[in-house]
Amino acid sequence: MQWNKRTTMIVGLAGGIMLFFIGMAAYIILGPSTDAYLLPKQISSIMKLTGMGIVCISMIVGGFFIEKIEKDTKLLLLLFGVILLLLNIFLFSSSHYY
């Protein structure tokens, strides 16, 4: 199997999505977090943000550098990549501990 840009983008998307859901499962496995014990929430947040970051990077890089796809598909990859990146920065990475 030859690794090209498209295969790398697909593997990045799949890996990022898997890491996001593993982060969601880590919160369930480690148990609930309290005011004094924030480790489950922190580990889950790190894994979910890393997964979302990999997905965003894969979409943006794929939108710029993959040659054999249509312009509309490239535009959608770039648009959704930037939207997910902004969501990742402003919503998902908020450090509010209630």
PDB file of N, CA and C in Angstrom:
ATOM      1  N   MET A   1       0.840  -1.175   0.000  1.00  0.00           N
ATOM      2  CA  MET A   1       0.000   0.000   0.000  1.00  0.00           C
ATOM      3  C   MET A   1       0.889   1.244   0.000  1.00  0.00           C
ATOM      4  N   GLN A   2       0.607   2.129  -0.887  1.00  0.00           N
ATOM      5  CA  GLN A   2       1.388   3.347  -1.000  1.00  0.00           C
ATOM      6  C   GLN A   2       0.688   4.478  -0.244  1.00  0.00           C
ATOM      7  N   TRP A   3       1.444   5.165   0.598  1.00  0.00           N
ATOM      8  CA  TRP A   3       0.892   6.272   1.367  1.00  0.00           C
ATOM      9  C   TRP A   3       0.951   7.540   0.535  1.00  0.00           C
ATOM     10  N   ASN A   4      -0.202   8.090   0.276  1.00  0.00           N
ATOM     11  CA  ASN A   4      -0.258   9.375  -0.401  1.00  0.00           C
ATOM     12  C   ASN A   4      -0.997  10.362   0.504  1.00  0.00           C
ATOM     13  N   LYS A   5      -1.212  11.550   0.035  1.00  0.00           N
ATOM     14  CA  LYS A   5      -1.821  12.594   0.866  1.00  0.00           C
ATOM     15  C   LYS A   5      -3.256  12.260   1.249  1.00  0.00           C
ATOM     16  N   ARG A   6      -3.976  11.649   0.327  1.00  0.00           N
ATOM     17  CA  ARG A   6      -5.380  11.324   0.605  1.00  0.00           C
ATOM     18  C   ARG A   6      -5.492  10.242   1.678  1.00  0.00           C
ATOM     19  N   THR A   7      -4.653   9.213   1.578  1.00  0.00           N
ATOM     20  CA  THR A   7      -4.670   8.148   2.577  1.00  0.00           C
ATOM     21  C   THR A   7      -4.275   8.693   3.947  1.00  0.00           C
ATOM     22  N   THR A   8      -3.291   9.566   3.972  1.00  0.00           N
ATOM     23  CA  THR A   8      -2.865  10.165   5.234  1.00  0.00           C
ATOM     24  C   THR A   8      -3.983  11.000   5.848  1.00  0.00           C
ATOM     25  N   MET A   9      -4.731  11.726   5.029  1.00  0.00           N
ATOM     26  CA  MET A   9      -5.840  12.522   5.542  1.00  0.00           C
ATOM     27  C   MET A   9      -6.925  11.617   6.122  1.00  0.00           C
ATOM     28  N   ILE A  10      -7.244  10.535   5.439  1.00  0.00           N
ATOM     29  CA  ILE A  10      -8.284   9.626   5.918  1.00  0.00           C
ATOM     30  C   ILE A  10      -7.860   8.962   7.224  1.00  0.00           C
ATOM     31  N   VAL A  11      -6.597   8.553   7.319  1.00  0.00           N
ATOM     32  CA  VAL A  11      -6.097   7.956   8.557  1.00  0.00           C
ATOM     33  C   VAL A  11      -6.112   8.988   9.688  1.00  0.00           C
ATOM     34  N   GLY A  12      -5.777  10.241   9.389  1.00  0.00           N
ATOM     35  CA  GLY A  12      -5.837  11.301  10.397  1.00  0.00           C
ATOM     36  C   GLY A  12      -7.250  11.552  10.884  1.00  0.00           C
ATOM     37  N   LEU A  13      -8.205  11.572   9.959  1.00  0.00           N
ATOM     38  CA  LEU A  13      -9.608  11.753  10.352  1.00  0.00           C
ATOM     39  C   LEU A  13     -10.085  10.600  11.222  1.00  0.00           C
ATOM     40  N   ALA A  14      -9.783   9.376  10.796  1.00  0.00           N
ATOM     41  CA  ALA A  14     -10.222   8.204  11.559  1.00  0.00           C
ATOM     42  C   ALA A  14      -9.553   8.169  12.931  1.00  0.00           C
ATOM     43  N   GLY A  15      -8.254   8.450  12.981  1.00  0.00           N
ATOM     44  CA  GLY A  15      -7.545   8.450  14.260  1.00  0.00           C
ATOM     45  C   GLY A  15      -8.047   9.528  15.200  1.00  0.00           C
ATOM     46  N   GLY A  16      -8.328  10.703  14.669  1.00  0.00           N
ATOM     47  CA  GLY A  16      -8.846  11.787  15.502  1.00  0.00           C
ATOM     48  C   GLY A  16     -10.225  11.486  16.059  1.00  0.00           C
ATOM     49  N   ILE A  17     -11.082  10.919  15.231  1.00  0.00           N
ATOM     50  CA  ILE A  17     -12.428  10.563  15.696  1.00  0.00           C
ATOM     51  C   ILE A  17     -12.355   9.459  16.745  1.00  0.00           C
ATOM     52  N   MET A  18     -11.480   8.473  16.526  1.00  0.00           N
ATOM     53  CA  MET A  18     -11.323   7.407  17.521  1.00  0.00           C
ATOM     54  C   MET A  18     -10.798   7.966  18.839  1.00  0.00           C
ATOM     55  N   LEU A  19      -9.815   8.867  18.775  1.00  0.00           N
ATOM     56  CA  LEU A  19      -9.267   9.449  19.995  1.00  0.00           C
ATOM     57  C   LEU A  19     -10.315  10.280  20.732  1.00  0.00           C
ATOM     58  N   PHE A  20     -11.183  10.964  19.996  1.00  0.00           N
ATOM     59  CA  PHE A  20     -12.259  11.731  20.619  1.00  0.00           C
ATOM     60  C   PHE A  20     -13.198  10.808  21.397  1.00  0.00           C
ATOM     61  N   PHE A  21     -13.601   9.702  20.790  1.00  0.00           N
ATOM     62  CA  PHE A  21     -14.521   8.795  21.480  1.00  0.00           C
ATOM     63  C   PHE A  21     -13.832   8.021  22.600  1.00  0.00           C
ATOM     64  N   ILE A  22     -12.545   7.745  22.467  1.00  0.00           N
ATOM     65  CA  ILE A  22     -11.804   7.130  23.572  1.00  0.00           C
ATOM     66  C   ILE A  22     -11.747   8.099  24.752  1.00  0.00           C
ATOM     67  N   GLY A  23     -11.606   9.389  24.459  1.00  0.00           N
ATOM     68  CA  GLY A  23     -11.636  10.398  25.524  1.00  0.00           C
ATOM     69  C   GLY A  23     -12.980  10.456  26.223  1.00  0.00           C
ATOM     70  N   MET A  24     -14.054  10.276  25.467  1.00  0.00           N
ATOM     71  CA  MET A  24     -15.380  10.236  26.092  1.00  0.00           C
ATOM     72  C   MET A  24     -15.524   9.000  26.971  1.00  0.00           C
ATOM     73  N   ALA A  25     -14.992   7.876  26.507  1.00  0.00           N
ATOM     74  CA  ALA A  25     -15.068   6.644  27.293  1.00  0.00           C
ATOM     75  C   ALA A  25     -14.163   6.709  28.520  1.00  0.00           C
ATOM     76  N   ALA A  26     -13.059   7.427  28.437  1.00  0.00           N
ATOM     77  CA  ALA A  26     -12.143   7.537  29.575  1.00  0.00           C
ATOM     78  C   ALA A  26     -12.821   8.210  30.757  1.00  0.00           C
ATOM     79  N   TYR A  27     -13.683   9.163  30.496  1.00  0.00           N
ATOM     80  CA  TYR A  27     -14.404   9.829  31.582  1.00  0.00           C
ATOM     81  C   TYR A  27     -15.332   8.844  32.285  1.00  0.00           C
ATOM     82  N   ILE A  28     -15.954   7.973  31.520  1.00  0.00           N
ATOM     83  CA  ILE A  28     -16.853   6.975  32.107  1.00  0.00           C
ATOM     84  C   ILE A  28     -16.060   5.937  32.891  1.00  0.00           C
ATOM     85  N   ILE A  29     -14.928   5.519  32.340  1.00  0.00           N
ATOM     86  CA  ILE A  29     -14.121   4.478  32.983  1.00  0.00           C
ATOM     87  C   ILE A  29     -13.508   4.973  34.291  1.00  0.00           C
ATOM     88  N   LEU A  30     -13.003   6.207  34.302  1.00  0.00           N
ATOM     89  CA  LEU A  30     -12.326   6.722  35.489  1.00  0.00           C
ATOM     90  C   LEU A  30     -13.282   7.179  36.579  1.00  0.00           C
ATOM     91  N   GLY A  31     -14.549   7.249  36.291  1.00  0.00           N
ATOM     92  CA  GLY A  31     -15.524   7.632  37.293  1.00  0.00           C
ATOM     93  C   GLY A  31     -15.762   9.127  37.319  1.00  0.00           C
ATOM     94  N   PRO A  32     -16.706   9.542  38.133  1.00  0.00           N
ATOM     95  CA  PRO A  32     -17.051  10.973  38.156  1.00  0.00           C
ATOM     96  C   PRO A  32     -15.945  11.802  38.813  1.00  0.00           C
ATOM     97  N   SER A  33     -15.855  13.039  38.392  1.00  0.00           N
ATOM     98  CA  SER A  33     -14.891  13.952  39.004  1.00  0.00           C
ATOM     99  C   SER A  33     -15.609  14.812  40.039  1.00  0.00           C
ATOM    100  N   THR A  34     -14.882  15.174  41.059  1.00  0.00           N
ATOM    101  CA  THR A  34     -15.418  16.040  42.107  1.00  0.00           C
ATOM    102  C   THR A  34     -14.580  17.317  42.140  1.00  0.00           C
ATOM    103  N   ASP A  35     -14.863  18.175  43.107  1.00  0.00           N
ATOM    104  CA  ASP A  35     -14.091  19.417  43.224  1.00  0.00           C
ATOM    105  C   ASP A  35     -12.629  19.143  43.568  1.00  0.00           C
ATOM    106  N   ALA A  36     -12.389  18.086  44.328  1.00  0.00           N
ATOM    107  CA  ALA A  36     -11.019  17.771  44.728  1.00  0.00           C
ATOM    108  C   ALA A  36     -10.343  16.789  43.773  1.00  0.00           C
ATOM    109  N   TYR A  37     -11.114  16.035  43.016  1.00  0.00           N
ATOM    110  CA  TYR A  37     -10.561  14.988  42.148  1.00  0.00           C
ATOM    111  C   TYR A  37     -10.977  15.277  40.711  1.00  0.00           C
ATOM    112  N   LEU A  38     -10.146  16.015  39.988  1.00  0.00           N
ATOM    113  CA  LEU A  38     -10.467  16.433  38.624  1.00  0.00           C
ATOM    114  C   LEU A  38      -9.758  15.609  37.562  1.00  0.00           C
ATOM    115  N   LEU A  39      -9.070  14.553  37.956  1.00  0.00           N
ATOM    116  CA  LEU A  39      -8.285  13.775  36.996  1.00  0.00           C
ATOM    117  C   LEU A  39      -9.120  13.186  35.859  1.00  0.00           C
ATOM    118  N   PRO A  40     -10.308  12.591  36.104  1.00  0.00           N
ATOM    119  CA  PRO A  40     -11.087  12.061  34.971  1.00  0.00           C
ATOM    120  C   PRO A  40     -11.470  13.133  33.959  1.00  0.00           C
ATOM    121  N   LYS A  41     -11.871  14.291  34.443  1.00  0.00           N
ATOM    122  CA  LYS A  41     -12.261  15.374  33.545  1.00  0.00           C
ATOM    123  C   LYS A  41     -11.066  15.884  32.749  1.00  0.00           C
ATOM    124  N   GLN A  42      -9.905  15.969  33.385  1.00  0.00           N
ATOM    125  CA  GLN A  42      -8.715  16.467  32.710  1.00  0.00           C
ATOM    126  C   GLN A  42      -8.220  15.492  31.650  1.00  0.00           C
ATOM    127  N   ILE A  43      -8.171  14.214  31.971  1.00  0.00           N
ATOM    128  CA  ILE A  43      -7.726  13.211  30.996  1.00  0.00           C
ATOM    129  C   ILE A  43      -8.691  13.152  29.826  1.00  0.00           C
ATOM    130  N   SER A  44      -9.976  13.160  30.115  1.00  0.00           N
ATOM    131  CA  SER A  44     -10.980  13.134  29.051  1.00  0.00           C
ATOM    132  C   SER A  44     -10.862  14.364  28.159  1.00  0.00           C
ATOM    133  N   SER A  45     -10.668  15.521  28.760  1.00  0.00           N
ATOM    134  CA  SER A  45     -10.550  16.755  27.975  1.00  0.00           C
ATOM    135  C   SER A  45      -9.317  16.744  27.088  1.00  0.00           C
ATOM    136  N   ILE A  46      -8.200  16.276  27.616  1.00  0.00           N
ATOM    137  CA  ILE A  46      -6.972  16.220  26.817  1.00  0.00           C
ATOM    138  C   ILE A  46      -7.154  15.305  25.618  1.00  0.00           C
ATOM    139  N   MET A  47      -7.744  14.139  25.835  1.00  0.00           N
ATOM    140  CA  MET A  47      -7.914  13.187  24.730  1.00  0.00           C
ATOM    141  C   MET A  47      -8.910  13.708  23.700  1.00  0.00           C
ATOM    142  N   LYS A  48     -10.009  14.306  24.159  1.00  0.00           N
ATOM    143  CA  LYS A  48     -11.006  14.830  23.219  1.00  0.00           C
ATOM    144  C   LYS A  48     -10.459  16.006  22.419  1.00  0.00           C
ATOM    145  N   LEU A  49      -9.745  16.912  23.068  1.00  0.00           N
ATOM    146  CA  LEU A  49      -9.184  18.059  22.355  1.00  0.00           C
ATOM    147  C   LEU A  49      -8.093  17.638  21.379  1.00  0.00           C
ATOM    148  N   THR A  50      -7.301  16.634  21.752  1.00  0.00           N
ATOM    149  CA  THR A  50      -6.287  16.127  20.829  1.00  0.00           C
ATOM    150  C   THR A  50      -6.940  15.494  19.614  1.00  0.00           C
ATOM    151  N   GLY A  51      -7.985  14.710  19.833  1.00  0.00           N
ATOM    152  CA  GLY A  51      -8.707  14.099  18.711  1.00  0.00           C
ATOM    153  C   GLY A  51      -9.330  15.131  17.798  1.00  0.00           C
ATOM    154  N   MET A  52      -9.959  16.150  18.381  1.00  0.00           N
ATOM    155  CA  MET A  52     -10.552  17.207  17.559  1.00  0.00           C
ATOM    156  C   MET A  52      -9.486  17.997  16.816  1.00  0.00           C
ATOM    157  N   GLY A  53      -8.340  18.196  17.438  1.00  0.00           N
ATOM    158  CA  GLY A  53      -7.245  18.892  16.771  1.00  0.00           C
ATOM    159  C   GLY A  53      -6.719  18.117  15.579  1.00  0.00           C
ATOM    160  N   ILE A  54      -6.594  16.803  15.731  1.00  0.00           N
ATOM    161  CA  ILE A  54      -6.139  15.967  14.613  1.00  0.00           C
ATOM    162  C   ILE A  54      -7.151  16.001  13.477  1.00  0.00           C
ATOM    163  N   VAL A  55      -8.432  15.955  13.811  1.00  0.00           N
ATOM    164  CA  VAL A  55      -9.471  16.030  12.773  1.00  0.00           C
ATOM    165  C   VAL A  55      -9.404  17.370  12.044  1.00  0.00           C
ATOM    166  N   CYS A  56      -9.273  18.467  12.795  1.00  0.00           N
ATOM    167  CA  CYS A  56      -9.193  19.803  12.167  1.00  0.00           C
ATOM    168  C   CYS A  56      -7.982  19.923  11.267  1.00  0.00           C
ATOM    169  N   ILE A  57      -6.834  19.484  11.750  1.00  0.00           N
ATOM    170  CA  ILE A  57      -5.613  19.570  10.950  1.00  0.00           C
ATOM    171  C   ILE A  57      -5.734  18.723   9.697  1.00  0.00           C
ATOM    172  N   SER A  58      -6.292  17.521   9.824  1.00  0.00           N
ATOM    173  CA  SER A  58      -6.447  16.650   8.655  1.00  0.00           C
ATOM    174  C   SER A  58      -7.365  17.277   7.617  1.00  0.00           C
ATOM    175  N   MET A  59      -8.446  17.901   8.072  1.00  0.00           N
ATOM    176  CA  MET A  59      -9.372  18.518   7.123  1.00  0.00           C
ATOM    177  C   MET A  59      -8.756  19.730   6.435  1.00  0.00           C
ATOM    178  N   ILE A  60      -8.084  20.572   7.188  1.00  0.00           N
ATOM    179  CA  ILE A  60      -7.497  21.777   6.596  1.00  0.00           C
ATOM    180  C   ILE A  60      -6.360  21.417   5.649  1.00  0.00           C
ATOM    181  N   VAL A  61      -5.463  20.538   6.083  1.00  0.00           N
ATOM    182  CA  VAL A  61      -4.349  20.130   5.222  1.00  0.00           C
ATOM    183  C   VAL A  61      -4.861  19.376   4.007  1.00  0.00           C
ATOM    184  N   GLY A  62      -5.866  18.528   4.196  1.00  0.00           N
ATOM    185  CA  GLY A  62      -6.451  17.820   3.058  1.00  0.00           C
ATOM    186  C   GLY A  62      -7.107  18.760   2.069  1.00  0.00           C
ATOM    187  N   GLY A  63      -7.746  19.803   2.564  1.00  0.00           N
ATOM    188  CA  GLY A  63      -8.359  20.782   1.673  1.00  0.00           C
ATOM    189  C   GLY A  63      -7.351  21.573   0.869  1.00  0.00           C
ATOM    190  N   PHE A  64      -6.173  21.768   1.417  1.00  0.00           N
ATOM    191  CA  PHE A  64      -5.144  22.513   0.688  1.00  0.00           C
ATOM    192  C   PHE A  64      -4.346  21.645  -0.278  1.00  0.00           C
ATOM    193  N   PHE A  65      -3.989  20.435   0.114  1.00  0.00           N
ATOM    194  CA  PHE A  65      -2.940  19.716  -0.597  1.00  0.00           C
ATOM    195  C   PHE A  65      -3.374  18.500  -1.400  1.00  0.00           C
ATOM    196  N   ILE A  66      -4.630  18.085  -1.326  1.00  0.00           N
ATOM    197  CA  ILE A  66      -5.054  16.925  -2.118  1.00  0.00           C
ATOM    198  C   ILE A  66      -5.476  17.405  -3.496  1.00  0.00           C
ATOM    199  N   GLU A  67      -4.923  16.774  -4.529  1.00  0.00           N
ATOM    200  CA  GLU A  67      -5.126  17.266  -5.890  1.00  0.00           C
ATOM    201  C   GLU A  67      -6.347  16.679  -6.586  1.00  0.00           C
ATOM    202  N   LYS A  68      -6.629  15.418  -6.392  1.00  0.00           N
ATOM    203  CA  LYS A  68      -7.615  14.732  -7.233  1.00  0.00           C
ATOM    204  C   LYS A  68      -9.027  14.755  -6.652  1.00  0.00           C
ATOM    205  N   ILE A  69      -9.417  15.853  -6.029  1.00  0.00           N
ATOM    206  CA  ILE A  69     -10.801  15.996  -5.580  1.00  0.00           C
ATOM    207  C   ILE A  69     -11.354  17.299  -6.152  1.00  0.00           C
ATOM    208  N   GLU A  70     -12.668  17.403  -6.163  1.00  0.00           N
ATOM    209  CA  GLU A  70     -13.324  18.574  -6.752  1.00  0.00           C
ATOM    210  C   GLU A  70     -13.095  19.820  -5.893  1.00  0.00           C
ATOM    211  N   LYS A  71     -13.302  20.967  -6.513  1.00  0.00           N
ATOM    212  CA  LYS A  71     -13.123  22.230  -5.790  1.00  0.00           C
ATOM    213  C   LYS A  71     -14.147  22.389  -4.678  1.00  0.00           C
ATOM    214  N   ASP A  72     -15.368  21.900  -4.914  1.00  0.00           N
ATOM    215  CA  ASP A  72     -16.398  22.001  -3.873  1.00  0.00           C
ATOM    216  C   ASP A  72     -16.017  21.173  -2.651  1.00  0.00           C
ATOM    217  N   THR A  73     -15.476  19.995  -2.874  1.00  0.00           N
ATOM    218  CA  THR A  73     -15.050  19.142  -1.767  1.00  0.00           C
ATOM    219  C   THR A  73     -13.890  19.782  -1.014  1.00  0.00           C
ATOM    220  N   LYS A  74     -12.956  20.374  -1.743  1.00  0.00           N
ATOM    221  CA  LYS A  74     -11.851  21.079  -1.086  1.00  0.00           C
ATOM    222  C   LYS A  74     -12.369  22.232  -0.235  1.00  0.00           C
ATOM    223  N   LEU A  75     -13.313  22.984  -0.786  1.00  0.00           N
ATOM    224  CA  LEU A  75     -13.874  24.114  -0.049  1.00  0.00           C
ATOM    225  C   LEU A  75     -14.602  23.649   1.207  1.00  0.00           C
ATOM    226  N   LEU A  76     -15.354  22.552   1.102  1.00  0.00           N
ATOM    227  CA  LEU A  76     -16.054  22.027   2.277  1.00  0.00           C
ATOM    228  C   LEU A  76     -15.078  21.530   3.333  1.00  0.00           C
ATOM    229  N   LEU A  77     -14.001  20.854   2.906  1.00  0.00           N
ATOM    230  CA  LEU A  77     -12.997  20.402   3.865  1.00  0.00           C
ATOM    231  C   LEU A  77     -12.378  21.586   4.601  1.00  0.00           C
ATOM    232  N   LEU A  78     -12.021  22.617   3.859  1.00  0.00           N
ATOM    233  CA  LEU A  78     -11.437  23.803   4.490  1.00  0.00           C
ATOM    234  C   LEU A  78     -12.430  24.497   5.413  1.00  0.00           C
ATOM    235  N   LEU A  79     -13.660  24.651   4.951  1.00  0.00           N
ATOM    236  CA  LEU A  79     -14.674  25.350   5.735  1.00  0.00           C
ATOM    237  C   LEU A  79     -14.983  24.613   7.034  1.00  0.00           C
ATOM    238  N   PHE A  80     -15.248  23.308   6.944  1.00  0.00           N
ATOM    239  CA  PHE A  80     -15.553  22.541   8.154  1.00  0.00           C
ATOM    240  C   PHE A  80     -14.334  22.408   9.055  1.00  0.00           C
ATOM    241  N   GLY A  81     -13.148  22.332   8.473  1.00  0.00           N
ATOM    242  CA  GLY A  81     -11.934  22.296   9.282  1.00  0.00           C
ATOM    243  C   GLY A  81     -11.753  23.565  10.092  1.00  0.00           C
ATOM    244  N   VAL A  82     -11.986  24.710   9.471  1.00  0.00           N
ATOM    245  CA  VAL A  82     -11.850  25.987  10.184  1.00  0.00           C
ATOM    246  C   VAL A  82     -12.953  26.142  11.225  1.00  0.00           C
ATOM    247  N   ILE A  83     -14.175  25.730  10.891  1.00  0.00           N
ATOM    248  CA  ILE A  83     -15.274  25.812  11.861  1.00  0.00           C
ATOM    249  C   ILE A  83     -14.989  24.929  13.076  1.00  0.00           C
ATOM    250  N   LEU A  84     -14.539  23.696  12.843  1.00  0.00           N
ATOM    251  CA  LEU A  84     -14.211  22.815  13.966  1.00  0.00           C
ATOM    252  C   LEU A  84     -13.034  23.354  14.771  1.00  0.00           C
ATOM    253  N   LEU A  85     -12.079  23.967  14.094  1.00  0.00           N
ATOM    254  CA  LEU A  85     -10.946  24.551  14.803  1.00  0.00           C
ATOM    255  C   LEU A  85     -11.402  25.689  15.711  1.00  0.00           C
ATOM    256  N   LEU A  86     -12.283  26.544  15.214  1.00  0.00           N
ATOM    257  CA  LEU A  86     -12.793  27.639  16.039  1.00  0.00           C
ATOM    258  C   LEU A  86     -13.642  27.116  17.195  1.00  0.00           C
ATOM    259  N   LEU A  87     -14.454  26.088  16.945  1.00  0.00           N
ATOM    260  CA  LEU A  87     -15.211  25.469  18.038  1.00  0.00           C
ATOM    261  C   LEU A  87     -14.273  24.873  19.074  1.00  0.00           C
ATOM    262  N   ASN A  88     -13.227  24.243  18.594  1.00  0.00           N
ATOM    263  CA  ASN A  88     -12.246  23.629  19.478  1.00  0.00           C
ATOM    264  C   ASN A  88     -11.574  24.678  20.355  1.00  0.00           C
ATOM    265  N   ILE A  89     -11.259  25.812  19.782  1.00  0.00           N
ATOM    266  CA  ILE A  89     -10.573  26.859  20.538  1.00  0.00           C
ATOM    267  C   ILE A  89     -11.512  27.540  21.526  1.00  0.00           C
ATOM    268  N   PHE A  90     -12.698  27.930  21.077  1.00  0.00           N
ATOM    269  CA  PHE A  90     -13.542  28.788  21.904  1.00  0.00           C
ATOM    270  C   PHE A  90     -14.564  28.049  22.763  1.00  0.00           C
ATOM    271  N   LEU A  91     -15.010  26.875  22.360  1.00  0.00           N
ATOM    272  CA  LEU A  91     -16.035  26.184  23.145  1.00  0.00           C
ATOM    273  C   LEU A  91     -15.501  24.988  23.918  1.00  0.00           C
ATOM    274  N   PHE A  92     -14.828  24.075  23.217  1.00  0.00           N
ATOM    275  CA  PHE A  92     -14.444  22.819  23.849  1.00  0.00           C
ATOM    276  C   PHE A  92     -13.275  22.973  24.807  1.00  0.00           C
ATOM    277  N   SER A  93     -12.433  23.972  24.616  1.00  0.00           N
ATOM    278  CA  SER A  93     -11.253  24.105  25.465  1.00  0.00           C
ATOM    279  C   SER A  93     -11.466  25.075  26.621  1.00  0.00           C
ATOM    280  N   SER A  94     -12.696  25.419  26.900  1.00  0.00           N
ATOM    281  CA  SER A  94     -12.933  26.325  28.025  1.00  0.00           C
ATOM    282  C   SER A  94     -12.599  25.605  29.325  1.00  0.00           C
ATOM    283  N   SER A  95     -11.952  26.298  30.206  1.00  0.00           N
ATOM    284  CA  SER A  95     -11.474  25.674  31.441  1.00  0.00           C
ATOM    285  C   SER A  95     -12.341  26.072  32.627  1.00  0.00           C
ATOM    286  N   HIS A  96     -13.635  26.029  32.450  1.00  0.00           N
ATOM    287  CA  HIS A  96     -14.541  26.341  33.550  1.00  0.00           C
ATOM    288  C   HIS A  96     -14.767  25.078  34.375  1.00  0.00           C
ATOM    289  N   TYR A  97     -14.431  25.144  35.631  1.00  0.00           N
ATOM    290  CA  TYR A  97     -14.708  24.038  36.543  1.00  0.00           C
ATOM    291  C   TYR A  97     -15.770  24.516  37.519  1.00  0.00           C
ATOM    292  N   TYR A  98     -16.918  23.922  37.426  1.00  0.00           N
ATOM    293  CA  TYR A  98     -18.036  24.360  38.262  1.00  0.00           C
ATOM    294  C   TYR A  98     -18.076  23.587  39.553  1.00  0.00           C
TER     295      TYR A  98
END
